[in-house]
Amino acid sequence: MLIPLALVLTVAAIACGSSSSGGPSSFGDISSGSGDLAPDFSITMYQGQDVVGGQEVSLSSLTGQKPIVLNFWAGLCPPCRAEMPDLQEFNEKFQDRTLLLGIDIGQFTGLGTQKDAQDLLDELGVTYPAGFTTEGNVIKDYQVLGMPTTIFIDAEGKIFNKWTGALNLSVLEEKTLEMLNQ
């Protein structure tokens, strides 16, 4: 009981951080490609069902087609909110070459409910595929140590890179192009 609580408190504390300039906090590359297969989990979509092929999907059903940019976020996470416009712009530029998939884990971090997440998507006009999972083990499986966390998964379903903290458009493009050109 104490370990899950400590993890939630750690993630929540990191998630609320921001840079001294008031902009999004970026911790940077945490790992460069473990090469391990991305752990599978189920996703219930808030939006983007037409892109992923249904209301209920598994990550494994989406791998093997094109690379995936998997973004763990929460509805009441300020850095998550800050990066969403850049994620939206990234999706508009790269949707033919990658799948951007937002996964709300607010219920596991104390940073919002499903309603909070849906309200944020609506407020910001986000249109890329986004959903939630009921599998709390994704935090451990993907080593989510801060919010947001973005996992770059290559076309073979292997983890290429991981970034903890809010991403801006230029870093998103750089990391994605590295993955596409490997």
N, C-alpha and C. Protein backbone atom coordinates (compact mmCIF):
# COMPACT_ATOMS: atom_id res chain seq x y z
N MET A 1 0.82 -1.20 0.00
CA MET A 1 0.00 0.00 0.00
C MET A 1 0.86 1.26 0.00
N LEU A 2 1.97 1.25 0.74
CA LEU A 2 2.81 2.44 0.81
C LEU A 2 3.54 2.72 -0.49
N ILE A 3 3.97 1.69 -1.21
CA ILE A 3 4.70 1.90 -2.47
C ILE A 3 3.81 2.56 -3.52
N PRO A 4 2.58 2.05 -3.77
CA PRO A 4 1.73 2.75 -4.75
C PRO A 4 1.42 4.19 -4.33
N LEU A 5 1.21 4.41 -3.04
CA LEU A 5 0.93 5.77 -2.58
C LEU A 5 2.14 6.67 -2.80
N ALA A 6 3.32 6.16 -2.51
CA ALA A 6 4.54 6.95 -2.72
C ALA A 6 4.71 7.28 -4.19
N LEU A 7 4.42 6.32 -5.07
CA LEU A 7 4.54 6.55 -6.51
C LEU A 7 3.57 7.64 -6.96
N VAL A 8 2.33 7.56 -6.49
CA VAL A 8 1.33 8.57 -6.86
C VAL A 8 1.76 9.95 -6.38
N LEU A 9 2.25 10.04 -5.16
CA LEU A 9 2.67 11.34 -4.63
C LEU A 9 3.88 11.88 -5.38
N THR A 10 4.81 11.01 -5.74
CA THR A 10 5.99 11.44 -6.50
C THR A 10 5.57 11.95 -7.87
N VAL A 11 4.73 11.19 -8.56
CA VAL A 11 4.28 11.60 -9.89
C VAL A 11 3.51 12.91 -9.80
N ALA A 12 2.64 13.04 -8.80
CA ALA A 12 1.86 14.27 -8.65
C ALA A 12 2.76 15.46 -8.36
N ALA A 13 3.77 15.28 -7.53
CA ALA A 13 4.68 16.38 -7.21
C ALA A 13 5.46 16.82 -8.44
N ILE A 14 5.96 15.87 -9.20
CA ILE A 14 6.72 16.20 -10.41
C ILE A 14 5.80 16.85 -11.43
N ALA A 15 4.58 16.35 -11.53
CA ALA A 15 3.65 16.84 -12.54
C ALA A 15 3.31 18.31 -12.36
N CYS A 16 3.36 18.77 -11.16
CA CYS A 16 2.98 20.16 -10.91
C CYS A 16 4.14 21.12 -11.07
N GLY A 17 5.31 20.61 -11.39
CA GLY A 17 6.49 21.46 -11.55
C GLY A 17 6.43 22.28 -12.81
N SER A 18 7.11 23.41 -12.79
CA SER A 18 7.26 24.22 -13.99
C SER A 18 8.61 24.92 -13.91
N SER A 19 9.06 25.40 -15.04
CA SER A 19 10.35 26.09 -15.07
C SER A 19 10.21 27.46 -14.44
N SER A 20 11.34 28.05 -14.07
CA SER A 20 11.30 29.35 -13.43
C SER A 20 10.78 30.43 -14.37
N SER A 21 10.82 30.18 -15.66
CA SER A 21 10.31 31.15 -16.62
C SER A 21 8.80 31.10 -16.75
N GLY A 22 8.17 30.16 -16.07
CA GLY A 22 6.72 30.04 -16.13
C GLY A 22 6.25 29.16 -17.27
N GLY A 23 7.17 28.69 -18.10
CA GLY A 23 6.81 27.82 -19.22
C GLY A 23 6.77 26.38 -18.79
N PRO A 24 6.50 25.48 -19.73
CA PRO A 24 6.43 24.07 -19.41
C PRO A 24 7.77 23.56 -18.91
N SER A 25 7.70 22.63 -17.98
CA SER A 25 8.90 22.00 -17.45
C SER A 25 9.29 20.85 -18.36
N SER A 26 10.55 20.76 -18.73
CA SER A 26 11.05 19.65 -19.54
C SER A 26 12.24 19.04 -18.85
N PHE A 27 12.14 17.76 -18.56
CA PHE A 27 13.24 17.06 -17.93
C PHE A 27 14.16 16.47 -18.97
N GLY A 28 13.63 16.13 -20.13
CA GLY A 28 14.45 15.66 -21.23
C GLY A 28 14.47 14.17 -21.39
N ASP A 29 15.39 13.74 -22.26
CA ASP A 29 15.52 12.32 -22.54
C ASP A 29 15.80 11.55 -21.27
N ILE A 30 15.03 10.54 -21.03
CA ILE A 30 15.28 9.67 -19.89
C ILE A 30 16.00 8.42 -20.38
N SER A 31 15.63 7.96 -21.54
CA SER A 31 16.32 6.80 -22.11
C SER A 31 16.28 6.92 -23.62
N SER A 32 17.29 6.40 -24.23
CA SER A 32 17.29 6.38 -25.69
C SER A 32 17.17 4.95 -26.12
N GLY A 33 15.98 4.55 -26.38
CA GLY A 33 15.70 3.27 -26.97
C GLY A 33 16.17 2.05 -26.24
N SER A 34 15.34 1.52 -25.39
CA SER A 34 15.67 0.25 -24.74
C SER A 34 15.60 -0.88 -25.75
N GLY A 35 14.83 -0.67 -26.81
CA GLY A 35 14.66 -1.71 -27.81
C GLY A 35 13.69 -2.80 -27.37
N ASP A 36 13.15 -2.67 -26.16
CA ASP A 36 12.17 -3.64 -25.66
C ASP A 36 10.84 -3.40 -26.34
N LEU A 37 10.07 -4.46 -26.49
CA LEU A 37 8.71 -4.31 -27.00
C LEU A 37 7.90 -3.47 -26.03
N ALA A 38 7.10 -2.57 -26.56
CA ALA A 38 6.25 -1.74 -25.72
C ALA A 38 5.22 -2.62 -25.02
N PRO A 39 5.11 -2.52 -23.69
CA PRO A 39 4.13 -3.32 -22.97
C PRO A 39 2.71 -3.04 -23.46
N ASP A 40 1.93 -4.10 -23.58
CA ASP A 40 0.56 -3.98 -24.07
C ASP A 40 -0.37 -3.55 -22.94
N PHE A 41 -1.40 -2.82 -23.27
CA PHE A 41 -2.47 -2.47 -22.34
C PHE A 41 -3.69 -2.07 -23.15
N SER A 42 -4.85 -2.07 -22.49
CA SER A 42 -6.09 -1.72 -23.19
C SER A 42 -6.39 -0.24 -23.01
N ILE A 43 -7.06 0.31 -24.02
CA ILE A 43 -7.36 1.74 -24.07
C ILE A 43 -8.83 1.91 -24.43
N THR A 44 -9.53 2.75 -23.69
CA THR A 44 -10.88 3.17 -24.03
C THR A 44 -10.77 4.59 -24.56
N MET A 45 -11.23 4.78 -25.78
CA MET A 45 -11.02 6.05 -26.46
C MET A 45 -12.04 7.12 -26.04
N TYR A 46 -11.54 8.33 -25.81
CA TYR A 46 -12.39 9.51 -25.68
C TYR A 46 -12.75 10.01 -27.07
N GLN A 47 -11.76 9.96 -27.97
CA GLN A 47 -11.92 10.48 -29.33
C GLN A 47 -10.89 9.80 -30.22
N GLY A 48 -11.14 9.85 -31.53
CA GLY A 48 -10.20 9.26 -32.48
C GLY A 48 -10.47 7.79 -32.78
N GLN A 49 -11.68 7.33 -32.46
CA GLN A 49 -12.04 5.93 -32.71
C GLN A 49 -11.86 5.57 -34.18
N ASP A 50 -12.15 6.51 -35.07
CA ASP A 50 -12.02 6.25 -36.50
C ASP A 50 -10.56 6.03 -36.90
N VAL A 51 -9.64 6.64 -36.18
CA VAL A 51 -8.21 6.51 -36.49
C VAL A 51 -7.66 5.19 -35.96
N VAL A 52 -8.07 4.79 -34.76
CA VAL A 52 -7.50 3.59 -34.13
C VAL A 52 -8.33 2.33 -34.36
N GLY A 53 -9.53 2.49 -34.90
CA GLY A 53 -10.32 1.32 -35.24
C GLY A 53 -11.29 0.84 -34.19
N GLY A 54 -11.74 1.72 -33.30
CA GLY A 54 -12.77 1.32 -32.35
C GLY A 54 -12.72 2.09 -31.05
N GLN A 55 -13.72 1.83 -30.22
CA GLN A 55 -13.84 2.46 -28.91
C GLN A 55 -12.89 1.82 -27.91
N GLU A 56 -12.72 0.51 -28.00
CA GLU A 56 -11.83 -0.25 -27.12
C GLU A 56 -10.74 -0.86 -27.98
N VAL A 57 -9.49 -0.52 -27.69
CA VAL A 57 -8.37 -1.06 -28.46
C VAL A 57 -7.25 -1.45 -27.50
N SER A 58 -6.33 -2.24 -28.01
CA SER A 58 -5.12 -2.54 -27.25
C SER A 58 -3.95 -1.90 -27.97
N LEU A 59 -2.92 -1.56 -27.24
CA LEU A 59 -1.75 -0.97 -27.88
C LEU A 59 -1.18 -1.93 -28.91
N SER A 60 -1.16 -3.22 -28.58
CA SER A 60 -0.57 -4.19 -29.52
C SER A 60 -1.32 -4.23 -30.84
N SER A 61 -2.61 -3.90 -30.84
CA SER A 61 -3.37 -3.89 -32.10
C SER A 61 -2.98 -2.71 -32.98
N LEU A 62 -2.30 -1.73 -32.40
CA LEU A 62 -1.91 -0.53 -33.14
C LEU A 62 -0.45 -0.56 -33.59
N THR A 63 0.35 -1.44 -33.00
CA THR A 63 1.76 -1.51 -33.38
C THR A 63 1.91 -2.30 -34.66
N GLY A 64 3.03 -2.08 -35.32
CA GLY A 64 3.31 -2.79 -36.56
C GLY A 64 2.79 -2.09 -37.80
N GLN A 65 2.07 -0.98 -37.62
CA GLN A 65 1.55 -0.23 -38.76
C GLN A 65 2.45 0.96 -39.05
N LYS A 66 2.57 1.85 -38.10
CA LYS A 66 3.48 2.98 -38.20
C LYS A 66 3.92 3.33 -36.79
N PRO A 67 4.99 4.11 -36.64
CA PRO A 67 5.45 4.46 -35.30
C PRO A 67 4.36 5.16 -34.49
N ILE A 68 4.45 5.00 -33.17
CA ILE A 68 3.48 5.58 -32.25
C ILE A 68 4.19 6.54 -31.31
N VAL A 69 3.61 7.71 -31.13
CA VAL A 69 4.06 8.65 -30.12
C VAL A 69 3.00 8.58 -29.02
N LEU A 70 3.36 7.94 -27.91
CA LEU A 70 2.43 7.64 -26.82
C LEU A 70 2.65 8.67 -25.72
N ASN A 71 1.63 9.48 -25.45
CA ASN A 71 1.75 10.58 -24.50
C ASN A 71 0.86 10.32 -23.29
N PHE A 72 1.49 10.11 -22.11
CA PHE A 72 0.75 9.95 -20.86
C PHE A 72 0.52 11.33 -20.26
N TRP A 73 -0.74 11.64 -19.92
CA TRP A 73 -1.13 12.96 -19.46
C TRP A 73 -2.29 12.85 -18.49
N ALA A 74 -2.72 13.99 -17.94
CA ALA A 74 -3.87 14.03 -17.04
C ALA A 74 -4.58 15.38 -17.18
N GLY A 75 -5.86 15.38 -16.91
CA GLY A 75 -6.69 16.57 -17.10
C GLY A 75 -6.36 17.75 -16.22
N LEU A 76 -5.78 17.50 -15.04
CA LEU A 76 -5.45 18.60 -14.12
C LEU A 76 -3.94 18.78 -13.98
N CYS A 77 -3.20 18.42 -15.00
CA CYS A 77 -1.74 18.52 -15.00
C CYS A 77 -1.34 19.76 -15.81
N PRO A 78 -0.83 20.82 -15.15
CA PRO A 78 -0.48 22.04 -15.88
C PRO A 78 0.54 21.83 -17.01
N PRO A 79 1.63 21.07 -16.82
CA PRO A 79 2.54 20.86 -17.95
C PRO A 79 1.89 20.09 -19.11
N CYS A 80 0.96 19.20 -18.79
CA CYS A 80 0.25 18.46 -19.84
C CYS A 80 -0.57 19.44 -20.68
N ARG A 81 -1.28 20.32 -20.00
CA ARG A 81 -2.07 21.36 -20.68
C ARG A 81 -1.17 22.21 -21.56
N ALA A 82 0.00 22.58 -21.04
CA ALA A 82 0.90 23.47 -21.77
C ALA A 82 1.41 22.85 -23.07
N GLU A 83 1.62 21.53 -23.08
CA GLU A 83 2.18 20.91 -24.29
C GLU A 83 1.12 20.52 -25.32
N MET A 84 -0.14 20.49 -24.94
CA MET A 84 -1.17 20.00 -25.86
C MET A 84 -1.28 20.78 -27.17
N PRO A 85 -1.17 22.10 -27.18
CA PRO A 85 -1.21 22.79 -28.48
C PRO A 85 -0.07 22.34 -29.41
N ASP A 86 1.12 22.11 -28.86
CA ASP A 86 2.22 21.62 -29.68
C ASP A 86 1.97 20.19 -30.15
N LEU A 87 1.38 19.36 -29.29
CA LEU A 87 1.02 18.00 -29.71
C LEU A 87 0.01 18.05 -30.85
N GLN A 88 -0.96 18.95 -30.75
CA GLN A 88 -1.97 19.09 -31.80
C GLN A 88 -1.32 19.48 -33.12
N GLU A 89 -0.43 20.47 -33.06
CA GLU A 89 0.26 20.91 -34.28
C GLU A 89 1.14 19.79 -34.85
N PHE A 90 1.82 19.07 -33.95
CA PHE A 90 2.63 17.93 -34.37
C PHE A 90 1.77 16.91 -35.10
N ASN A 91 0.61 16.60 -34.54
CA ASN A 91 -0.27 15.61 -35.16
C ASN A 91 -0.70 16.05 -36.56
N GLU A 92 -1.01 17.32 -36.71
CA GLU A 92 -1.41 17.82 -38.03
C GLU A 92 -0.30 17.66 -39.06
N LYS A 93 0.96 17.78 -38.62
CA LYS A 93 2.10 17.65 -39.53
C LYS A 93 2.51 16.20 -39.78
N PHE A 94 2.37 15.33 -38.77
CA PHE A 94 2.95 13.99 -38.85
C PHE A 94 1.94 12.85 -38.88
N GLN A 95 0.64 13.14 -38.92
CA GLN A 95 -0.34 12.07 -38.80
C GLN A 95 -0.28 11.05 -39.92
N ASP A 96 0.31 11.41 -41.06
CA ASP A 96 0.45 10.43 -42.14
C ASP A 96 1.62 9.47 -41.90
N ARG A 97 2.54 9.85 -40.99
CA ARG A 97 3.73 9.02 -40.74
C ARG A 97 3.78 8.40 -39.36
N THR A 98 3.00 8.95 -38.42
CA THR A 98 3.00 8.44 -37.05
C THR A 98 1.57 8.45 -36.50
N LEU A 99 1.38 7.72 -35.42
CA LEU A 99 0.13 7.78 -34.67
C LEU A 99 0.43 8.44 -33.33
N LEU A 100 -0.13 9.61 -33.10
CA LEU A 100 -0.05 10.26 -31.80
C LEU A 100 -1.23 9.76 -30.99
N LEU A 101 -0.95 9.25 -29.80
CA LEU A 101 -1.99 8.68 -28.96
C LEU A 101 -1.84 9.18 -27.53
N GLY A 102 -2.81 9.97 -27.06
CA GLY A 102 -2.79 10.48 -25.70
C GLY A 102 -3.50 9.52 -24.76
N ILE A 103 -2.83 9.19 -23.65
CA ILE A 103 -3.41 8.28 -22.65
C ILE A 103 -3.54 9.02 -21.33
N ASP A 104 -4.77 9.22 -20.90
CA ASP A 104 -5.08 9.88 -19.63
C ASP A 104 -4.86 8.90 -18.49
N ILE A 105 -3.95 9.26 -17.57
CA ILE A 105 -3.73 8.43 -16.38
C ILE A 105 -4.00 9.24 -15.11
N GLY A 106 -4.81 10.27 -15.23
CA GLY A 106 -5.12 11.14 -14.10
C GLY A 106 -5.71 10.41 -12.91
N GLN A 107 -6.50 9.37 -13.16
CA GLN A 107 -7.13 8.64 -12.07
C GLN A 107 -6.10 7.92 -11.21
N PHE A 108 -4.91 7.65 -11.74
CA PHE A 108 -3.86 6.96 -10.98
C PHE A 108 -2.92 7.93 -10.29
N THR A 109 -2.91 9.18 -10.70
CA THR A 109 -1.97 10.16 -10.16
C THR A 109 -2.64 11.21 -9.28
N GLY A 110 -3.96 11.17 -9.19
CA GLY A 110 -4.68 12.19 -8.44
C GLY A 110 -4.76 13.51 -9.18
N LEU A 111 -4.52 13.48 -10.49
CA LEU A 111 -4.52 14.70 -11.29
C LEU A 111 -5.71 14.78 -12.24
N GLY A 112 -6.86 14.33 -11.75
CA GLY A 112 -8.06 14.53 -12.54
C GLY A 112 -8.85 13.27 -12.81
N THR A 113 -10.09 13.52 -13.16
CA THR A 113 -11.03 12.46 -13.50
C THR A 113 -11.14 12.36 -15.02
N GLN A 114 -11.90 11.39 -15.48
CA GLN A 114 -12.14 11.28 -16.92
C GLN A 114 -12.88 12.52 -17.43
N LYS A 115 -13.77 13.07 -16.62
CA LYS A 115 -14.47 14.30 -17.03
C LYS A 115 -13.49 15.46 -17.16
N ASP A 116 -12.55 15.57 -16.22
CA ASP A 116 -11.53 16.63 -16.32
C ASP A 116 -10.74 16.49 -17.62
N ALA A 117 -10.40 15.26 -17.96
CA ALA A 117 -9.63 15.00 -19.19
C ALA A 117 -10.44 15.39 -20.43
N GLN A 118 -11.68 14.95 -20.48
CA GLN A 118 -12.52 15.27 -21.63
C GLN A 118 -12.76 16.78 -21.74
N ASP A 119 -12.95 17.43 -20.61
CA ASP A 119 -13.14 18.89 -20.61
C ASP A 119 -11.90 19.60 -21.16
N LEU A 120 -10.71 19.13 -20.80
CA LEU A 120 -9.48 19.75 -21.29
C LEU A 120 -9.33 19.55 -22.80
N LEU A 121 -9.61 18.35 -23.28
CA LEU A 121 -9.55 18.10 -24.73
C LEU A 121 -10.48 19.05 -25.47
N ASP A 122 -11.71 19.19 -24.96
CA ASP A 122 -12.70 20.07 -25.59
C ASP A 122 -12.25 21.53 -25.54
N GLU A 123 -11.80 21.97 -24.36
CA GLU A 123 -11.40 23.36 -24.18
C GLU A 123 -10.27 23.76 -25.13
N LEU A 124 -9.30 22.86 -25.33
CA LEU A 124 -8.14 23.18 -26.16
C LEU A 124 -8.33 22.82 -27.63
N GLY A 125 -9.46 22.21 -27.96
CA GLY A 125 -9.72 21.84 -29.35
C GLY A 125 -8.82 20.73 -29.87
N VAL A 126 -8.41 19.86 -28.98
CA VAL A 126 -7.53 18.75 -29.35
C VAL A 126 -8.32 17.73 -30.16
N THR A 127 -7.77 17.30 -31.28
CA THR A 127 -8.47 16.33 -32.14
C THR A 127 -7.72 15.02 -32.32
N TYR A 128 -6.46 14.93 -31.86
CA TYR A 128 -5.73 13.68 -32.03
C TYR A 128 -6.33 12.59 -31.14
N PRO A 129 -6.12 11.31 -31.47
CA PRO A 129 -6.69 10.23 -30.69
C PRO A 129 -6.25 10.29 -29.22
N ALA A 130 -7.21 10.18 -28.33
CA ALA A 130 -6.93 10.22 -26.90
C ALA A 130 -7.93 9.33 -26.18
N GLY A 131 -7.46 8.69 -25.13
CA GLY A 131 -8.31 7.82 -24.34
C GLY A 131 -7.73 7.62 -22.96
N PHE A 132 -8.24 6.61 -22.27
CA PHE A 132 -7.75 6.30 -20.93
C PHE A 132 -7.59 4.80 -20.80
N THR A 133 -6.88 4.40 -19.76
CA THR A 133 -6.75 2.99 -19.45
C THR A 133 -7.16 2.78 -18.01
N THR A 134 -7.65 1.60 -17.72
CA THR A 134 -7.99 1.25 -16.35
C THR A 134 -6.88 0.39 -15.73
N GLU A 135 -5.80 0.22 -16.47
CA GLU A 135 -4.69 -0.63 -16.03
C GLU A 135 -3.59 0.23 -15.40
N GLY A 136 -3.62 0.31 -14.08
CA GLY A 136 -2.65 1.13 -13.36
C GLY A 136 -1.21 0.68 -13.51
N ASN A 137 -1.01 -0.55 -13.94
CA ASN A 137 0.36 -1.05 -14.11
C ASN A 137 1.11 -0.33 -15.23
N VAL A 138 0.42 0.44 -16.08
CA VAL A 138 1.13 1.16 -17.15
C VAL A 138 2.14 2.15 -16.57
N ILE A 139 1.86 2.69 -15.39
CA ILE A 139 2.80 3.62 -14.76
C ILE A 139 4.12 2.92 -14.49
N LYS A 140 4.06 1.71 -13.96
CA LYS A 140 5.27 0.93 -13.69
C LYS A 140 5.87 0.41 -14.98
N ASP A 141 5.04 -0.14 -15.85
CA ASP A 141 5.55 -0.75 -17.09
C ASP A 141 6.29 0.25 -17.96
N TYR A 142 5.82 1.50 -17.99
CA TYR A 142 6.45 2.53 -18.82
C TYR A 142 7.33 3.47 -17.99
N GLN A 143 7.49 3.17 -16.72
CA GLN A 143 8.32 3.98 -15.82
C GLN A 143 7.97 5.46 -15.90
N VAL A 144 6.68 5.73 -15.73
CA VAL A 144 6.20 7.12 -15.74
C VAL A 144 6.56 7.74 -14.40
N LEU A 145 7.60 8.57 -14.40
CA LEU A 145 8.10 9.19 -13.17
C LEU A 145 7.76 10.67 -13.08
N GLY A 146 7.11 11.20 -14.08
CA GLY A 146 6.70 12.59 -14.11
C GLY A 146 5.63 12.75 -15.18
N MET A 147 4.97 13.88 -15.12
CA MET A 147 3.88 14.12 -16.07
C MET A 147 4.13 15.42 -16.81
N PRO A 148 3.89 15.43 -18.08
CA PRO A 148 3.57 14.30 -18.94
C PRO A 148 4.83 13.46 -19.24
N THR A 149 4.60 12.27 -19.74
CA THR A 149 5.68 11.40 -20.22
C THR A 149 5.31 10.94 -21.62
N THR A 150 6.27 11.01 -22.52
CA THR A 150 6.04 10.62 -23.91
C THR A 150 6.98 9.50 -24.29
N ILE A 151 6.41 8.44 -24.85
CA ILE A 151 7.16 7.26 -25.27
C ILE A 151 7.11 7.20 -26.80
N PHE A 152 8.26 7.08 -27.42
CA PHE A 152 8.36 6.96 -28.87
C PHE A 152 8.53 5.48 -29.19
N ILE A 153 7.57 4.90 -29.90
CA ILE A 153 7.55 3.46 -30.22
C ILE A 153 7.71 3.31 -31.72
N ASP A 154 8.71 2.55 -32.14
CA ASP A 154 8.97 2.42 -33.58
C ASP A 154 7.92 1.54 -34.26
N ALA A 155 8.01 1.41 -35.56
CA ALA A 155 7.01 0.68 -36.34
C ALA A 155 6.98 -0.81 -36.00
N GLU A 156 8.03 -1.32 -35.38
CA GLU A 156 8.07 -2.72 -34.96
C GLU A 156 7.52 -2.92 -33.56
N GLY A 157 7.08 -1.84 -32.92
CA GLY A 157 6.52 -1.93 -31.58
C GLY A 157 7.55 -1.89 -30.47
N LYS A 158 8.77 -1.45 -30.79
CA LYS A 158 9.84 -1.38 -29.79
C LYS A 158 10.02 0.06 -29.32
N ILE A 159 10.34 0.19 -28.03
CA ILE A 159 10.55 1.52 -27.45
C ILE A 159 11.83 2.11 -28.02
N PHE A 160 11.70 3.26 -28.66
CA PHE A 160 12.84 3.95 -29.26
C PHE A 160 13.40 5.01 -28.32
N ASN A 161 12.51 5.74 -27.63
CA ASN A 161 12.95 6.83 -26.77
C ASN A 161 11.83 7.17 -25.79
N LYS A 162 12.21 7.86 -24.73
CA LYS A 162 11.26 8.27 -23.70
C LYS A 162 11.63 9.68 -23.25
N TRP A 163 10.62 10.50 -23.03
CA TRP A 163 10.84 11.88 -22.60
C TRP A 163 9.91 12.16 -21.43
N THR A 164 10.45 12.67 -20.34
CA THR A 164 9.63 13.07 -19.19
C THR A 164 9.59 14.58 -19.13
N GLY A 165 8.40 15.12 -19.04
CA GLY A 165 8.19 16.57 -19.02
C GLY A 165 7.51 17.01 -20.30
N ALA A 166 7.10 18.26 -20.30
CA ALA A 166 6.39 18.80 -21.46
C ALA A 166 7.34 18.94 -22.65
N LEU A 167 6.86 18.54 -23.80
CA LEU A 167 7.61 18.66 -25.05
C LEU A 167 7.13 19.87 -25.83
N ASN A 168 8.04 20.50 -26.56
CA ASN A 168 7.61 21.53 -27.50
C ASN A 168 7.67 20.94 -28.90
N LEU A 169 7.15 21.67 -29.86
CA LEU A 169 7.03 21.16 -31.22
C LEU A 169 8.38 20.78 -31.81
N SER A 170 9.41 21.59 -31.60
CA SER A 170 10.70 21.29 -32.22
C SER A 170 11.31 20.00 -31.67
N VAL A 171 11.18 19.75 -30.38
CA VAL A 171 11.71 18.51 -29.80
C VAL A 171 10.88 17.32 -30.28
N LEU A 172 9.56 17.47 -30.33
CA LEU A 172 8.71 16.40 -30.85
C LEU A 172 9.13 16.01 -32.27
N GLU A 173 9.32 17.02 -33.10
CA GLU A 173 9.73 16.75 -34.48
C GLU A 173 11.10 16.10 -34.53
N GLU A 174 12.05 16.61 -33.75
CA GLU A 174 13.41 16.06 -33.73
C GLU A 174 13.41 14.59 -33.32
N LYS A 175 12.75 14.28 -32.22
CA LYS A 175 12.74 12.89 -31.72
C LYS A 175 12.01 11.97 -32.69
N THR A 176 10.94 12.47 -33.29
CA THR A 176 10.19 11.66 -34.24
C THR A 176 11.01 11.40 -35.50
N LEU A 177 11.68 12.41 -36.01
CA LEU A 177 12.51 12.22 -37.20
C LEU A 177 13.67 11.26 -36.92
N GLU A 178 14.25 11.33 -35.71
CA GLU A 178 15.28 10.36 -35.34
C GLU A 178 14.72 8.94 -35.42
N MET A 179 13.50 8.76 -34.91
CA MET A 179 12.87 7.44 -34.92
C MET A 179 12.56 7.00 -36.35
N LEU A 180 12.02 7.90 -37.15
CA LEU A 180 11.66 7.55 -38.52
C LEU A 180 12.88 7.24 -39.39
N ASN A 181 14.01 7.85 -39.07
CA ASN A 181 15.21 7.68 -39.88
C ASN A 181 16.18 6.63 -39.35
N GLN A 182 15.78 5.91 -38.32
CA GLN A 182 16.69 4.90 -37.75
C GLN A 182 16.94 3.75 -38.70
